[in-house]
Amino acid sequence: MFQILWWLYVLWPLGCWAALARTRLLGGIVGAALVGQAVVLIGLEYEWWSLLTAAELTVAYPFGSLLAILVGALAERRLRGRRPEAADGHRVGGATVAVVCHAIVGVVVAAAYPLYLSGFAYYPSLAELPLPSGLAVQRDSGTAGGCASHDCTREVSIGSTSDLPPAAVAARLRDGLSAAGWTAGPSGSLQHPHGWLLDKRVVRVFITESPRGASVELVGPEYFGEAATP
């Protein structure tokens, strides 16, 4: 059910603009802008990339879409004049109301998002783990690692592409993460902010040596009010 609502949230502006567009050129330009915004959210959802501003982009999406649609509608009006009363007036009126409702949903999401995030552990994206040169992922458990009461763990095996011994692989990984801004966390972990303003959670990594390199536990804990960085 949540996935259905999420896809509706993403595709809503595209459907509205399809009902409002009057020209091929401007309609295509605005449509491309809306598709670009939607692709950013889809990429975040399916871990094509990882951004600290993921939460902010999610809640800002309706307002960015509304701005694109408003600019497109005004540009088409300047080009073609006022929209004539036609048989499809109800369709256009419905699309206009839907755009406004989508923006209202954005306000609700912006208000509820931090509270929603605070109650759930999460699986960190593999894209959040920057690997130094010479290291590569050999195995990734994905979301099969299991969630405890307050965190979800993703198990990742890291190996060397140049036959480094396990101790050197683990050391290079730790040094690389430290250079990338990761700081000391609890129980010997390293941690990094998972988000920016709305998302105060952290992603933590526990690194141990393994027979073929380094064994990594990538952990997404609940947020209980602790700072993202010490």
C-alpha atoms as a PDB file:
ATOM      1  CA  MET A   1       0.000   0.000   0.000  1.00  0.00           C
ATOM      2  CA  PHE A   2       2.816   2.380   0.884  1.00  0.00           C
ATOM      3  CA  GLN A   3       4.487   1.764  -2.481  1.00  0.00           C
ATOM      4  CA  ILE A   4       1.240   2.578  -4.298  1.00  0.00           C
ATOM      5  CA  LEU A   5       0.950   5.865  -2.410  1.00  0.00           C
ATOM      6  CA  TRP A   6       4.621   6.627  -3.096  1.00  0.00           C
ATOM      7  CA  TRP A   7       4.232   6.091  -6.838  1.00  0.00           C
ATOM      8  CA  LEU A   8       1.078   8.217  -6.800  1.00  0.00           C
ATOM      9  CA  TYR A   9       3.054  10.957  -5.040  1.00  0.00           C
ATOM     10  CA  VAL A  10       5.765  10.771  -7.723  1.00  0.00           C
ATOM     11  CA  LEU A  11       3.549  10.527 -10.821  1.00  0.00           C
ATOM     12  CA  TRP A  12       0.801  12.912  -9.705  1.00  0.00           C
ATOM     13  CA  PRO A  13       2.368  16.084 -11.239  1.00  0.00           C
ATOM     14  CA  LEU A  14       3.006  14.350 -14.576  1.00  0.00           C
ATOM     15  CA  GLY A  15      -0.652  13.381 -14.862  1.00  0.00           C
ATOM     16  CA  CYS A  16      -1.748  16.894 -13.968  1.00  0.00           C
ATOM     17  CA  TRP A  17       0.529  18.500 -16.544  1.00  0.00           C
ATOM     18  CA  ALA A  18      -0.664  16.034 -19.196  1.00  0.00           C
ATOM     19  CA  ALA A  19      -4.161  17.432 -18.626  1.00  0.00           C
ATOM     20  CA  LEU A  20      -3.051  21.078 -18.603  1.00  0.00           C
ATOM     21  CA  ALA A  21      -0.456  21.256 -21.420  1.00  0.00           C
ATOM     22  CA  ARG A  22      -1.574  23.064 -24.586  1.00  0.00           C
ATOM     23  CA  THR A  23       1.544  23.114 -26.789  1.00  0.00           C
ATOM     24  CA  ARG A  24       4.041  20.501 -27.889  1.00  0.00           C
ATOM     25  CA  LEU A  25       7.160  22.585 -27.314  1.00  0.00           C
ATOM     26  CA  LEU A  26       6.404  24.070 -23.904  1.00  0.00           C
ATOM     27  CA  GLY A  27       4.494  20.975 -22.917  1.00  0.00           C
ATOM     28  CA  GLY A  28       7.521  18.851 -23.713  1.00  0.00           C
ATOM     29  CA  ILE A  29       9.941  21.168 -21.888  1.00  0.00           C
ATOM     30  CA  VAL A  30       7.873  21.261 -18.706  1.00  0.00           C
ATOM     31  CA  GLY A  31       7.188  17.550 -19.003  1.00  0.00           C
ATOM     32  CA  ALA A  32      10.928  16.874 -19.222  1.00  0.00           C
ATOM     33  CA  ALA A  33      11.528  19.016 -16.114  1.00  0.00           C
ATOM     34  CA  LEU A  34       8.863  17.083 -14.220  1.00  0.00           C
ATOM     35  CA  VAL A  35      10.302  13.759 -15.364  1.00  0.00           C
ATOM     36  CA  GLY A  36      13.748  14.895 -14.205  1.00  0.00           C
ATOM     37  CA  GLN A  37      12.422  15.708 -10.734  1.00  0.00           C
ATOM     38  CA  ALA A  38      10.617  12.370 -10.583  1.00  0.00           C
ATOM     39  CA  VAL A  39      13.737  10.460 -11.650  1.00  0.00           C
ATOM     40  CA  VAL A  40      15.672  12.007  -8.753  1.00  0.00           C
ATOM     41  CA  LEU A  41      13.156  10.571  -6.269  1.00  0.00           C
ATOM     42  CA  ILE A  42      13.007   7.218  -8.042  1.00  0.00           C
ATOM     43  CA  GLY A  43      16.807   6.990  -8.012  1.00  0.00           C
ATOM     44  CA  LEU A  44      16.866   7.678  -4.284  1.00  0.00           C
ATOM     45  CA  GLU A  45      14.175   5.077  -3.645  1.00  0.00           C
ATOM     46  CA  TYR A  46      15.949   2.369  -5.664  1.00  0.00           C
ATOM     47  CA  GLU A  47      19.469   3.306  -4.470  1.00  0.00           C
ATOM     48  CA  TRP A  48      20.813   4.450  -7.834  1.00  0.00           C
ATOM     49  CA  TRP A  49      22.501   7.226  -5.870  1.00  0.00           C
ATOM     50  CA  SER A  50      22.674   8.532  -2.322  1.00  0.00           C
ATOM     51  CA  LEU A  51      22.194  12.162  -1.288  1.00  0.00           C
ATOM     52  CA  LEU A  52      22.256  13.741   2.164  1.00  0.00           C
ATOM     53  CA  THR A  53      19.361  15.934   1.040  1.00  0.00           C
ATOM     54  CA  ALA A  54      17.095  12.966   0.192  1.00  0.00           C
ATOM     55  CA  ALA A  55      14.460  13.933   2.779  1.00  0.00           C
ATOM     56  CA  GLU A  56      14.470  17.579   1.710  1.00  0.00           C
ATOM     57  CA  LEU A  57      14.135  16.631  -1.966  1.00  0.00           C
ATOM     58  CA  THR A  58      11.216  14.339  -1.129  1.00  0.00           C
ATOM     59  CA  VAL A  59       9.210  16.958   0.732  1.00  0.00           C
ATOM     60  CA  ALA A  60      10.136  19.745  -1.717  1.00  0.00           C
ATOM     61  CA  TYR A  61       9.016  17.698  -4.719  1.00  0.00           C
ATOM     62  CA  PRO A  62       5.376  18.943  -4.791  1.00  0.00           C
ATOM     63  CA  PHE A  63       6.507  22.567  -4.601  1.00  0.00           C
ATOM     64  CA  GLY A  64       9.099  22.154  -7.345  1.00  0.00           C
ATOM     65  CA  SER A  65       6.487  20.439  -9.494  1.00  0.00           C
ATOM     66  CA  LEU A  66       3.927  23.154  -8.773  1.00  0.00           C
ATOM     67  CA  LEU A  67       6.438  25.845  -9.755  1.00  0.00           C
ATOM     68  CA  ALA A  68       7.280  24.057 -13.024  1.00  0.00           C
ATOM     69  CA  ILE A  69       3.597  23.625 -13.881  1.00  0.00           C
ATOM     70  CA  LEU A  70       2.791  27.238 -12.984  1.00  0.00           C
ATOM     71  CA  VAL A  71       5.632  28.580 -15.118  1.00  0.00           C
ATOM     72  CA  GLY A  72       4.579  26.319 -17.994  1.00  0.00           C
ATOM     73  CA  ALA A  73       0.925  27.347 -17.764  1.00  0.00           C
ATOM     74  CA  LEU A  74       1.799  31.057 -17.694  1.00  0.00           C
ATOM     75  CA  ALA A  75       4.198  30.654 -20.629  1.00  0.00           C
ATOM     76  CA  GLU A  76       1.541  28.874 -22.667  1.00  0.00           C
ATOM     77  CA  ARG A  77      -1.000  31.550 -21.795  1.00  0.00           C
ATOM     78  CA  ARG A  78       1.412  34.240 -22.994  1.00  0.00           C
ATOM     79  CA  LEU A  79       1.979  32.277 -26.195  1.00  0.00           C
ATOM     80  CA  ARG A  80      -1.601  31.247 -26.968  1.00  0.00           C
ATOM     81  CA  GLY A  81      -3.740  33.629 -24.916  1.00  0.00           C
ATOM     82  CA  ARG A  82      -6.345  32.784 -22.339  1.00  0.00           C
ATOM     83  CA  ARG A  83      -7.517  29.199 -22.278  1.00  0.00           C
ATOM     84  CA  PRO A  84     -10.891  29.052 -24.036  1.00  0.00           C
ATOM     85  CA  GLU A  85     -13.897  27.536 -22.340  1.00  0.00           C
ATOM     86  CA  ALA A  86     -14.167  24.076 -23.815  1.00  0.00           C
ATOM     87  CA  ALA A  87     -15.709  20.705 -23.266  1.00  0.00           C
ATOM     88  CA  ASP A  88     -12.636  19.595 -21.343  1.00  0.00           C
ATOM     89  CA  GLY A  89     -13.038  22.369 -18.784  1.00  0.00           C
ATOM     90  CA  HIS A  90     -13.853  19.911 -16.022  1.00  0.00           C
ATOM     91  CA  ARG A  91     -10.700  17.930 -16.819  1.00  0.00           C
ATOM     92  CA  VAL A  92      -8.548  21.045 -16.665  1.00  0.00           C
ATOM     93  CA  GLY A  93     -10.244  22.237 -13.492  1.00  0.00           C
ATOM     94  CA  GLY A  94      -9.735  18.844 -11.906  1.00  0.00           C
ATOM     95  CA  ALA A  95      -6.056  18.838 -12.836  1.00  0.00           C
ATOM     96  CA  THR A  96      -5.633  22.320 -11.347  1.00  0.00           C
ATOM     97  CA  VAL A  97      -7.236  21.257  -8.083  1.00  0.00           C
ATOM     98  CA  ALA A  98      -5.064  18.126  -8.064  1.00  0.00           C
ATOM     99  CA  VAL A  99      -1.886  20.216  -8.405  1.00  0.00           C
ATOM    100  CA  VAL A 100      -2.905  22.362  -5.444  1.00  0.00           C
ATOM    101  CA  CYS A 101      -3.820  19.274  -3.409  1.00  0.00           C
ATOM    102  CA  HIS A 102      -0.421  17.789  -4.187  1.00  0.00           C
ATOM    103  CA  ALA A 103       1.227  20.895  -2.757  1.00  0.00           C
ATOM    104  CA  ILE A 104      -0.942  20.590   0.366  1.00  0.00           C
ATOM    105  CA  VAL A 105       0.185  16.978   0.688  1.00  0.00           C
ATOM    106  CA  GLY A 106       3.751  18.303   0.511  1.00  0.00           C
ATOM    107  CA  VAL A 107       3.076  20.594   3.487  1.00  0.00           C
ATOM    108  CA  VAL A 108       1.719  17.653   5.477  1.00  0.00           C
ATOM    109  CA  VAL A 109       4.691  15.463   4.505  1.00  0.00           C
ATOM    110  CA  ALA A 110       7.156  18.209   5.467  1.00  0.00           C
ATOM    111  CA  ALA A 111       5.537  18.518   8.916  1.00  0.00           C
ATOM    112  CA  ALA A 112       5.276  14.773   9.545  1.00  0.00           C
ATOM    113  CA  TYR A 113       8.518  13.574   7.942  1.00  0.00           C
ATOM    114  CA  PRO A 114      10.894  14.088  10.898  1.00  0.00           C
ATOM    115  CA  LEU A 115       8.431  12.420  13.288  1.00  0.00           C
ATOM    116  CA  TYR A 116       7.949   9.545  10.856  1.00  0.00           C
ATOM    117  CA  LEU A 117      11.692   8.991  10.510  1.00  0.00           C
ATOM    118  CA  SER A 118      12.291   9.034  14.252  1.00  0.00           C
ATOM    119  CA  GLY A 119      10.345   5.845  14.837  1.00  0.00           C
ATOM    120  CA  PHE A 120      11.917   3.533  12.288  1.00  0.00           C
ATOM    121  CA  ALA A 121      15.248   1.881  11.772  1.00  0.00           C
ATOM    122  CA  TYR A 122      16.365   1.695   8.145  1.00  0.00           C
ATOM    123  CA  TYR A 123      18.651  -0.142   5.754  1.00  0.00           C
ATOM    124  CA  PRO A 124      21.498   2.123   4.651  1.00  0.00           C
ATOM    125  CA  SER A 125      22.123   2.282   0.939  1.00  0.00           C
ATOM    126  CA  LEU A 126      25.317   0.699  -0.333  1.00  0.00           C
ATOM    127  CA  ALA A 127      25.866   3.990  -2.151  1.00  0.00           C
ATOM    128  CA  GLU A 128      26.479   5.580   1.269  1.00  0.00           C
ATOM    129  CA  LEU A 129      29.692   3.554   1.710  1.00  0.00           C
ATOM    130  CA  PRO A 130      32.467   5.271  -0.287  1.00  0.00           C
ATOM    131  CA  LEU A 131      35.211   2.800  -1.109  1.00  0.00           C
ATOM    132  CA  PRO A 132      38.843   3.896  -1.527  1.00  0.00           C
ATOM    133  CA  SER A 133      40.566   2.970  -4.785  1.00  0.00           C
ATOM    134  CA  GLY A 134      41.726  -0.619  -4.880  1.00  0.00           C
ATOM    135  CA  LEU A 135      38.789  -1.948  -2.853  1.00  0.00           C
ATOM    136  CA  ALA A 136      35.581  -3.490  -4.166  1.00  0.00           C
ATOM    137  CA  VAL A 137      32.383  -5.053  -2.846  1.00  0.00           C
ATOM    138  CA  GLN A 138      32.517  -8.843  -3.035  1.00  0.00           C
ATOM    139  CA  ARG A 139      29.195  -9.620  -1.360  1.00  0.00           C
ATOM    140  CA  ASP A 140      26.232  -7.587  -0.189  1.00  0.00           C
ATOM    141  CA  SER A 141      23.409  -9.022   1.910  1.00  0.00           C
ATOM    142  CA  GLY A 142      21.112  -6.191   0.852  1.00  0.00           C
ATOM    143  CA  THR A 143      17.998  -6.042   3.019  1.00  0.00           C
ATOM    144  CA  ALA A 144      18.324  -9.706   4.013  1.00  0.00           C
ATOM    145  CA  GLY A 145      20.547  -8.955   7.006  1.00  0.00           C
ATOM    146  CA  GLY A 146      17.624  -8.524   9.358  1.00  0.00           C
ATOM    147  CA  CYS A 147      16.469  -5.771  11.709  1.00  0.00           C
ATOM    148  CA  ALA A 148      16.861  -5.823  15.477  1.00  0.00           C
ATOM    149  CA  SER A 149      14.619  -3.811  17.787  1.00  0.00           C
ATOM    150  CA  HIS A 150      16.283  -0.479  16.985  1.00  0.00           C
ATOM    151  CA  ASP A 151      18.488  -0.940  13.924  1.00  0.00           C
ATOM    152  CA  CYS A 152      18.816  -2.698  10.566  1.00  0.00           C
ATOM    153  CA  THR A 153      22.095  -4.264   9.475  1.00  0.00           C
ATOM    154  CA  ARG A 154      23.463  -4.691   5.971  1.00  0.00           C
ATOM    155  CA  GLU A 155      26.411  -7.087   5.801  1.00  0.00           C
ATOM    156  CA  VAL A 156      29.023  -6.326   3.147  1.00  0.00           C
ATOM    157  CA  SER A 157      32.263  -8.109   2.272  1.00  0.00           C
ATOM    158  CA  ILE A 158      35.044  -5.852   0.961  1.00  0.00           C
ATOM    159  CA  GLY A 159      38.057  -7.205  -0.892  1.00  0.00           C
ATOM    160  CA  SER A 160      41.156  -5.877  -2.610  1.00  0.00           C
ATOM    161  CA  THR A 161      41.569  -5.613  -6.359  1.00  0.00           C
ATOM    162  CA  SER A 162      45.353  -5.716  -5.907  1.00  0.00           C
ATOM    163  CA  ASP A 163      45.818  -8.658  -3.508  1.00  0.00           C
ATOM    164  CA  LEU A 164      46.198  -6.637  -0.323  1.00  0.00           C
ATOM    165  CA  PRO A 165      46.155  -8.698   2.893  1.00  0.00           C
ATOM    166  CA  PRO A 166      42.977  -8.509   5.052  1.00  0.00           C
ATOM    167  CA  ALA A 167      44.576  -6.221   7.649  1.00  0.00           C
ATOM    168  CA  ALA A 168      45.571  -3.739   4.926  1.00  0.00           C
ATOM    169  CA  VAL A 169      42.077  -3.872   3.387  1.00  0.00           C
ATOM    170  CA  ALA A 170      40.449  -3.073   6.737  1.00  0.00           C
ATOM    171  CA  ALA A 171      42.955  -0.304   7.456  1.00  0.00           C
ATOM    172  CA  ARG A 172      42.531   1.271   4.013  1.00  0.00           C
ATOM    173  CA  LEU A 173      38.765   1.202   4.390  1.00  0.00           C
ATOM    174  CA  ARG A 174      38.888   2.880   7.797  1.00  0.00           C
ATOM    175  CA  ASP A 175      41.332   5.508   6.571  1.00  0.00           C
ATOM    176  CA  GLY A 176      39.247   6.139   3.470  1.00  0.00           C
ATOM    177  CA  LEU A 177      36.058   6.627   5.456  1.00  0.00           C
ATOM    178  CA  SER A 178      37.812   8.946   7.902  1.00  0.00           C
ATOM    179  CA  ALA A 179      39.131  10.998   4.996  1.00  0.00           C
ATOM    180  CA  ALA A 180      35.575  11.160   3.613  1.00  0.00           C
ATOM    181  CA  GLY A 181      34.306  12.745   6.828  1.00  0.00           C
ATOM    182  CA  TRP A 182      33.204   9.733   8.858  1.00  0.00           C
ATOM    183  CA  THR A 183      33.777  10.191  12.583  1.00  0.00           C
ATOM    184  CA  ALA A 184      34.146   7.907  15.597  1.00  0.00           C
ATOM    185  CA  GLY A 185      30.892   6.401  16.796  1.00  0.00           C
ATOM    186  CA  PRO A 186      29.841   4.087  19.617  1.00  0.00           C
ATOM    187  CA  SER A 187      31.384   0.628  20.127  1.00  0.00           C
ATOM    188  CA  GLY A 188      34.294   1.283  17.802  1.00  0.00           C
ATOM    189  CA  SER A 189      32.141   2.180  14.828  1.00  0.00           C
ATOM    190  CA  LEU A 190      32.488   5.003  12.347  1.00  0.00           C
ATOM    191  CA  GLN A 191      29.419   7.117  11.605  1.00  0.00           C
ATOM    192  CA  HIS A 192      28.201   9.673   9.129  1.00  0.00           C
ATOM    193  CA  PRO A 193      25.004  11.737   8.783  1.00  0.00           C
ATOM    194  CA  HIS A 194      22.356   9.885   6.813  1.00  0.00           C
ATOM    195  CA  GLY A 195      20.491  13.107   6.056  1.00  0.00           C
ATOM    196  CA  TRP A 196      20.658  16.864   6.388  1.00  0.00           C
ATOM    197  CA  LEU A 197      17.983  19.068   8.007  1.00  0.00           C
ATOM    198  CA  LEU A 198      14.898  16.868   8.246  1.00  0.00           C
ATOM    199  CA  ASP A 199      16.631  13.517   8.581  1.00  0.00           C
ATOM    200  CA  LYS A 200      18.846  13.519  11.694  1.00  0.00           C
ATOM    201  CA  ARG A 201      19.629   9.806  11.616  1.00  0.00           C
ATOM    202  CA  VAL A 202      23.136   8.449  11.148  1.00  0.00           C
ATOM    203  CA  VAL A 203      24.599   5.507   9.283  1.00  0.00           C
ATOM    204  CA  ARG A 204      27.175   3.492  11.220  1.00  0.00           C
ATOM    205  CA  VAL A 205      29.774   1.045  10.006  1.00  0.00           C
ATOM    206  CA  PHE A 206      31.576  -1.687  11.943  1.00  0.00           C
ATOM    207  CA  ILE A 207      34.722  -3.019  10.233  1.00  0.00           C
ATOM    208  CA  THR A 208      36.471  -6.284  11.076  1.00  0.00           C
ATOM    209  CA  GLU A 209      39.051  -8.364   9.248  1.00  0.00           C
ATOM    210  CA  SER A 210      37.886 -11.426   7.326  1.00  0.00           C
ATOM    211  CA  PRO A 211      39.844 -14.202   5.577  1.00  0.00           C
ATOM    212  CA  ARG A 212      39.513 -12.403   2.213  1.00  0.00           C
ATOM    213  CA  GLY A 213      39.509  -8.771   3.237  1.00  0.00           C
ATOM    214  CA  ALA A 214      37.157  -6.825   5.481  1.00  0.00           C
ATOM    215  CA  SER A 215      33.748  -7.696   6.842  1.00  0.00           C
ATOM    216  CA  VAL A 216      31.499  -4.666   7.174  1.00  0.00           C
ATOM    217  CA  GLU A 217      28.264  -4.185   9.077  1.00  0.00           C
ATOM    218  CA  LEU A 218      26.443  -1.160   7.685  1.00  0.00           C
ATOM    219  CA  VAL A 219      23.862  -0.206  10.302  1.00  0.00           C
ATOM    220  CA  GLY A 220      20.898   2.146  10.153  1.00  0.00           C
ATOM    221  CA  PRO A 221      19.667   2.919  13.687  1.00  0.00           C
ATOM    222  CA  GLU A 222      16.590   4.712  14.879  1.00  0.00           C
ATOM    223  CA  TYR A 223      17.048   8.360  15.739  1.00  0.00           C
ATOM    224  CA  PHE A 224      16.633   9.004  19.456  1.00  0.00           C
ATOM    225  CA  GLY A 225      17.813  12.590  19.505  1.00  0.00           C
ATOM    226  CA  GLU A 226      21.549  11.949  19.404  1.00  0.00           C
ATOM    227  CA  ALA A 227      23.617  14.203  17.167  1.00  0.00           C
ATOM    228  CA  ALA A 228      24.502  12.878  13.767  1.00  0.00           C
ATOM    229  CA  THR A 229      28.124  13.643  14.469  1.00  0.00           C
ATOM    230  CA  PRO A 230      29.846  13.627  17.860  1.00  0.00           C
END
